[in-house]
Amino acid sequence: MATKTSETVAALRQASDGLNYQSETDAPWSVVAWPDATGEPTADAIRRRGRHKSSLPVAEQSVDEFFAPLVGEQDWYGDEEKSTAAKYRALLDVVKQRLSGAKVFRVGRRKVAVYVVGSTKEGGWAGLKTTAVET
């Protein structure tokens, strides 16, 4: 039996398919789902659910701020860059449509786990995770 949470997961998986997050290494996006989570996502909860050390720093930012450099187009963009920006715009639409109160959490230093997480309409949290390497 399919639940609405799985519909959200499927929509996120489809929208993020083939996209890599560019940092010093390109990393794919994966879907995360915590159907038993309650309330709004918090830094401590994300650190715990992602099984990160409690000593690791967590930075929080808005979805719009995080996606801004990914969805914009530059004058010098070729077809591939324009296509990637369009895919990120579609992904951002899915995040905004499917997840309420979505936030971005960046866990760690140098090798950073990046989570885009929000509440699903049917309860629990879902979102996306990738890795950024920053030196």
C-alpha atoms as a PDB file:
ATOM      1  CA  MET A   1       0.000   0.000   0.000  1.00  0.00           C
ATOM      2  CA  ALA A   2       1.474   3.325  -1.047  1.00  0.00           C
ATOM      3  CA  THR A   3       1.389   6.143   1.448  1.00  0.00           C
ATOM      4  CA  LYS A   4       1.457   9.826   0.719  1.00  0.00           C
ATOM      5  CA  THR A   5       4.930   9.931   2.274  1.00  0.00           C
ATOM      6  CA  SER A   6       6.093   7.569  -0.460  1.00  0.00           C
ATOM      7  CA  GLU A   7       4.500   9.896  -3.036  1.00  0.00           C
ATOM      8  CA  THR A   8       6.605  12.731  -1.627  1.00  0.00           C
ATOM      9  CA  VAL A   9       9.705  10.511  -1.656  1.00  0.00           C
ATOM     10  CA  ALA A  10       8.990   9.461  -5.258  1.00  0.00           C
ATOM     11  CA  ALA A  11       8.516  13.093  -6.343  1.00  0.00           C
ATOM     12  CA  LEU A  12      11.798  14.114  -4.682  1.00  0.00           C
ATOM     13  CA  ARG A  13      13.626  11.134  -6.169  1.00  0.00           C
ATOM     14  CA  GLN A  14      12.315  11.896  -9.657  1.00  0.00           C
ATOM     15  CA  ALA A  15      13.115  15.625  -9.421  1.00  0.00           C
ATOM     16  CA  SER A  16      16.667  15.025  -8.138  1.00  0.00           C
ATOM     17  CA  ASP A  17      17.501  12.164 -10.509  1.00  0.00           C
ATOM     18  CA  GLY A  18      20.664  12.886 -12.467  1.00  0.00           C
ATOM     19  CA  LEU A  19      21.513  16.049 -10.517  1.00  0.00           C
ATOM     20  CA  ASN A  20      24.835  16.402  -8.745  1.00  0.00           C
ATOM     21  CA  TYR A  21      25.649  19.044  -6.159  1.00  0.00           C
ATOM     22  CA  GLN A  22      28.841  20.782  -7.227  1.00  0.00           C
ATOM     23  CA  SER A  23      31.525  21.579  -4.694  1.00  0.00           C
ATOM     24  CA  GLU A  24      35.138  20.444  -4.780  1.00  0.00           C
ATOM     25  CA  THR A  25      33.605  17.101  -5.679  1.00  0.00           C
ATOM     26  CA  ASP A  26      30.301  16.451  -7.439  1.00  0.00           C
ATOM     27  CA  ALA A  27      27.936  14.387  -5.312  1.00  0.00           C
ATOM     28  CA  PRO A  28      24.524  12.968  -6.194  1.00  0.00           C
ATOM     29  CA  TRP A  29      21.395  13.709  -4.190  1.00  0.00           C
ATOM     30  CA  SER A  30      19.661  10.962  -2.235  1.00  0.00           C
ATOM     31  CA  VAL A  31      16.212  11.017  -0.662  1.00  0.00           C
ATOM     32  CA  VAL A  32      15.788  10.840   3.119  1.00  0.00           C
ATOM     33  CA  ALA A  33      12.535  10.077   4.942  1.00  0.00           C
ATOM     34  CA  TRP A  34      11.787  10.042   8.643  1.00  0.00           C
ATOM     35  CA  PRO A  35       8.053   9.262   8.836  1.00  0.00           C
ATOM     36  CA  ASP A  36       8.124   9.161  12.654  1.00  0.00           C
ATOM     37  CA  ALA A  37       9.590  12.671  13.035  1.00  0.00           C
ATOM     38  CA  THR A  38       7.361  15.309  14.602  1.00  0.00           C
ATOM     39  CA  GLY A  39       7.381  19.095  14.792  1.00  0.00           C
ATOM     40  CA  GLU A  40       9.673  21.277  12.715  1.00  0.00           C
ATOM     41  CA  PRO A  41      13.118  20.004  11.684  1.00  0.00           C
ATOM     42  CA  THR A  42      15.874  21.335  13.952  1.00  0.00           C
ATOM     43  CA  ALA A  43      19.666  21.262  13.773  1.00  0.00           C
ATOM     44  CA  ASP A  44      19.921  18.858  16.735  1.00  0.00           C
ATOM     45  CA  ALA A  45      17.292  16.525  15.294  1.00  0.00           C
ATOM     46  CA  ILE A  46      19.001  16.427  11.883  1.00  0.00           C
ATOM     47  CA  ARG A  47      22.379  15.749  13.507  1.00  0.00           C
ATOM     48  CA  ARG A  48      20.824  12.881  15.510  1.00  0.00           C
ATOM     49  CA  ARG A  49      18.787  11.368  12.685  1.00  0.00           C
ATOM     50  CA  GLY A  50      21.720  11.609  10.287  1.00  0.00           C
ATOM     51  CA  ARG A  51      23.886   9.818  12.893  1.00  0.00           C
ATOM     52  CA  HIS A  52      26.448  12.615  13.029  1.00  0.00           C
ATOM     53  CA  LYS A  53      28.706  13.268  16.018  1.00  0.00           C
ATOM     54  CA  SER A  54      27.171  15.702  18.495  1.00  0.00           C
ATOM     55  CA  SER A  55      30.362  17.780  18.318  1.00  0.00           C
ATOM     56  CA  LEU A  56      29.900  18.603  14.620  1.00  0.00           C
ATOM     57  CA  PRO A  57      28.632  22.100  13.815  1.00  0.00           C
ATOM     58  CA  VAL A  58      25.307  22.501  12.035  1.00  0.00           C
ATOM     59  CA  ALA A  59      24.573  25.591   9.950  1.00  0.00           C
ATOM     60  CA  GLU A  60      20.997  26.341   8.927  1.00  0.00           C
ATOM     61  CA  GLN A  61      19.870  28.372   5.928  1.00  0.00           C
ATOM     62  CA  SER A  62      16.708  29.009   3.979  1.00  0.00           C
ATOM     63  CA  VAL A  63      15.798  26.909   0.971  1.00  0.00           C
ATOM     64  CA  ASP A  64      15.707  30.028  -1.239  1.00  0.00           C
ATOM     65  CA  GLU A  65      19.167  31.127  -0.094  1.00  0.00           C
ATOM     66  CA  PHE A  66      20.635  27.652  -0.671  1.00  0.00           C
ATOM     67  CA  PHE A  67      19.070  27.162  -4.114  1.00  0.00           C
ATOM     68  CA  ALA A  68      19.710  30.730  -5.392  1.00  0.00           C
ATOM     69  CA  PRO A  69      23.095  29.967  -7.023  1.00  0.00           C
ATOM     70  CA  LEU A  70      21.746  26.661  -8.398  1.00  0.00           C
ATOM     71  CA  VAL A  71      18.620  27.985 -10.112  1.00  0.00           C
ATOM     72  CA  GLY A  72      20.003  31.197 -11.605  1.00  0.00           C
ATOM     73  CA  GLU A  73      21.416  31.447 -15.096  1.00  0.00           C
ATOM     74  CA  GLN A  74      24.532  33.321 -16.135  1.00  0.00           C
ATOM     75  CA  ASP A  75      25.077  34.958 -19.533  1.00  0.00           C
ATOM     76  CA  TRP A  76      27.936  32.563 -20.283  1.00  0.00           C
ATOM     77  CA  TYR A  77      25.916  29.384 -19.595  1.00  0.00           C
ATOM     78  CA  GLY A  78      25.885  26.816 -22.366  1.00  0.00           C
ATOM     79  CA  ASP A  79      23.101  24.298 -22.972  1.00  0.00           C
ATOM     80  CA  GLU A  80      24.306  21.924 -20.246  1.00  0.00           C
ATOM     81  CA  GLU A  81      24.444  24.629 -17.550  1.00  0.00           C
ATOM     82  CA  LYS A  82      21.029  25.971 -18.606  1.00  0.00           C
ATOM     83  CA  SER A  83      19.597  22.443 -18.455  1.00  0.00           C
ATOM     84  CA  THR A  84      21.044  21.904 -14.964  1.00  0.00           C
ATOM     85  CA  ALA A  85      19.637  25.233 -13.728  1.00  0.00           C
ATOM     86  CA  ALA A  86      16.214  24.283 -15.136  1.00  0.00           C
ATOM     87  CA  LYS A  87      16.373  20.917 -13.329  1.00  0.00           C
ATOM     88  CA  TYR A  88      17.237  22.704 -10.073  1.00  0.00           C
ATOM     89  CA  ARG A  89      14.276  25.070 -10.566  1.00  0.00           C
ATOM     90  CA  ALA A  90      12.010  22.027 -10.999  1.00  0.00           C
ATOM     91  CA  LEU A  91      13.544  20.428  -7.891  1.00  0.00           C
ATOM     92  CA  LEU A  92      12.994  23.597  -5.871  1.00  0.00           C
ATOM     93  CA  ASP A  93       9.336  23.618  -6.996  1.00  0.00           C
ATOM     94  CA  VAL A  94       8.904  20.026  -5.756  1.00  0.00           C
ATOM     95  CA  VAL A  95      10.564  20.883  -2.429  1.00  0.00           C
ATOM     96  CA  LYS A  96       8.257  23.878  -1.953  1.00  0.00           C
ATOM     97  CA  GLN A  97       5.119  21.978  -3.041  1.00  0.00           C
ATOM     98  CA  ARG A  98       5.757  18.791  -1.050  1.00  0.00           C
ATOM     99  CA  LEU A  99       7.586  19.965   2.093  1.00  0.00           C
ATOM    100  CA  SER A 100       6.334  22.577   4.527  1.00  0.00           C
ATOM    101  CA  GLY A 101       8.798  24.518   6.623  1.00  0.00           C
ATOM    102  CA  ALA A 102      11.682  23.152   4.549  1.00  0.00           C
ATOM    103  CA  LYS A 103      15.146  24.230   5.665  1.00  0.00           C
ATOM    104  CA  VAL A 104      18.709  23.460   4.679  1.00  0.00           C
ATOM    105  CA  PHE A 105      21.079  22.032   7.287  1.00  0.00           C
ATOM    106  CA  ARG A 106      24.822  21.762   6.661  1.00  0.00           C
ATOM    107  CA  VAL A 107      26.459  19.322   9.097  1.00  0.00           C
ATOM    108  CA  GLY A 108      30.216  19.170   9.585  1.00  0.00           C
ATOM    109  CA  ARG A 109      33.425  20.825   8.452  1.00  0.00           C
ATOM    110  CA  ARG A 110      35.240  20.316   5.133  1.00  0.00           C
ATOM    111  CA  LYS A 111      33.202  17.213   4.210  1.00  0.00           C
ATOM    112  CA  VAL A 112      29.735  18.601   4.842  1.00  0.00           C
ATOM    113  CA  ALA A 113      26.483  16.639   4.822  1.00  0.00           C
ATOM    114  CA  VAL A 114      23.817  18.863   3.261  1.00  0.00           C
ATOM    115  CA  TYR A 115      20.177  18.148   4.100  1.00  0.00           C
ATOM    116  CA  VAL A 116      17.107  19.813   2.572  1.00  0.00           C
ATOM    117  CA  VAL A 117      14.342  18.695   4.949  1.00  0.00           C
ATOM    118  CA  GLY A 118      10.758  19.651   5.664  1.00  0.00           C
ATOM    119  CA  SER A 119       7.492  18.261   6.995  1.00  0.00           C
ATOM    120  CA  THR A 120       5.285  16.191   4.713  1.00  0.00           C
ATOM    121  CA  LYS A 121       1.542  16.817   4.509  1.00  0.00           C
ATOM    122  CA  GLU A 122       0.839  13.386   5.933  1.00  0.00           C
ATOM    123  CA  GLY A 123       3.279  13.688   8.840  1.00  0.00           C
ATOM    124  CA  GLY A 124       6.954  13.031   9.337  1.00  0.00           C
ATOM    125  CA  TRP A 125       9.873  14.592   7.546  1.00  0.00           C
ATOM    126  CA  ALA A 126      11.367  13.969   4.138  1.00  0.00           C
ATOM    127  CA  GLY A 127      13.925  15.626   1.947  1.00  0.00           C
ATOM    128  CA  LEU A 128      17.233  15.314   0.195  1.00  0.00           C
ATOM    129  CA  LYS A 129      20.812  14.748   1.253  1.00  0.00           C
ATOM    130  CA  THR A 130      24.119  15.267  -0.523  1.00  0.00           C
ATOM    131  CA  THR A 131      27.745  15.856   0.374  1.00  0.00           C
ATOM    132  CA  ALA A 132      29.795  18.998  -0.190  1.00  0.00           C
ATOM    133  CA  VAL A 133      33.564  19.115   0.090  1.00  0.00           C
ATOM    134  CA  GLU A 134      34.775  22.538   1.172  1.00  0.00           C
ATOM    135  CA  THR A 135      38.382  23.358   1.908  1.00  0.00           C
END
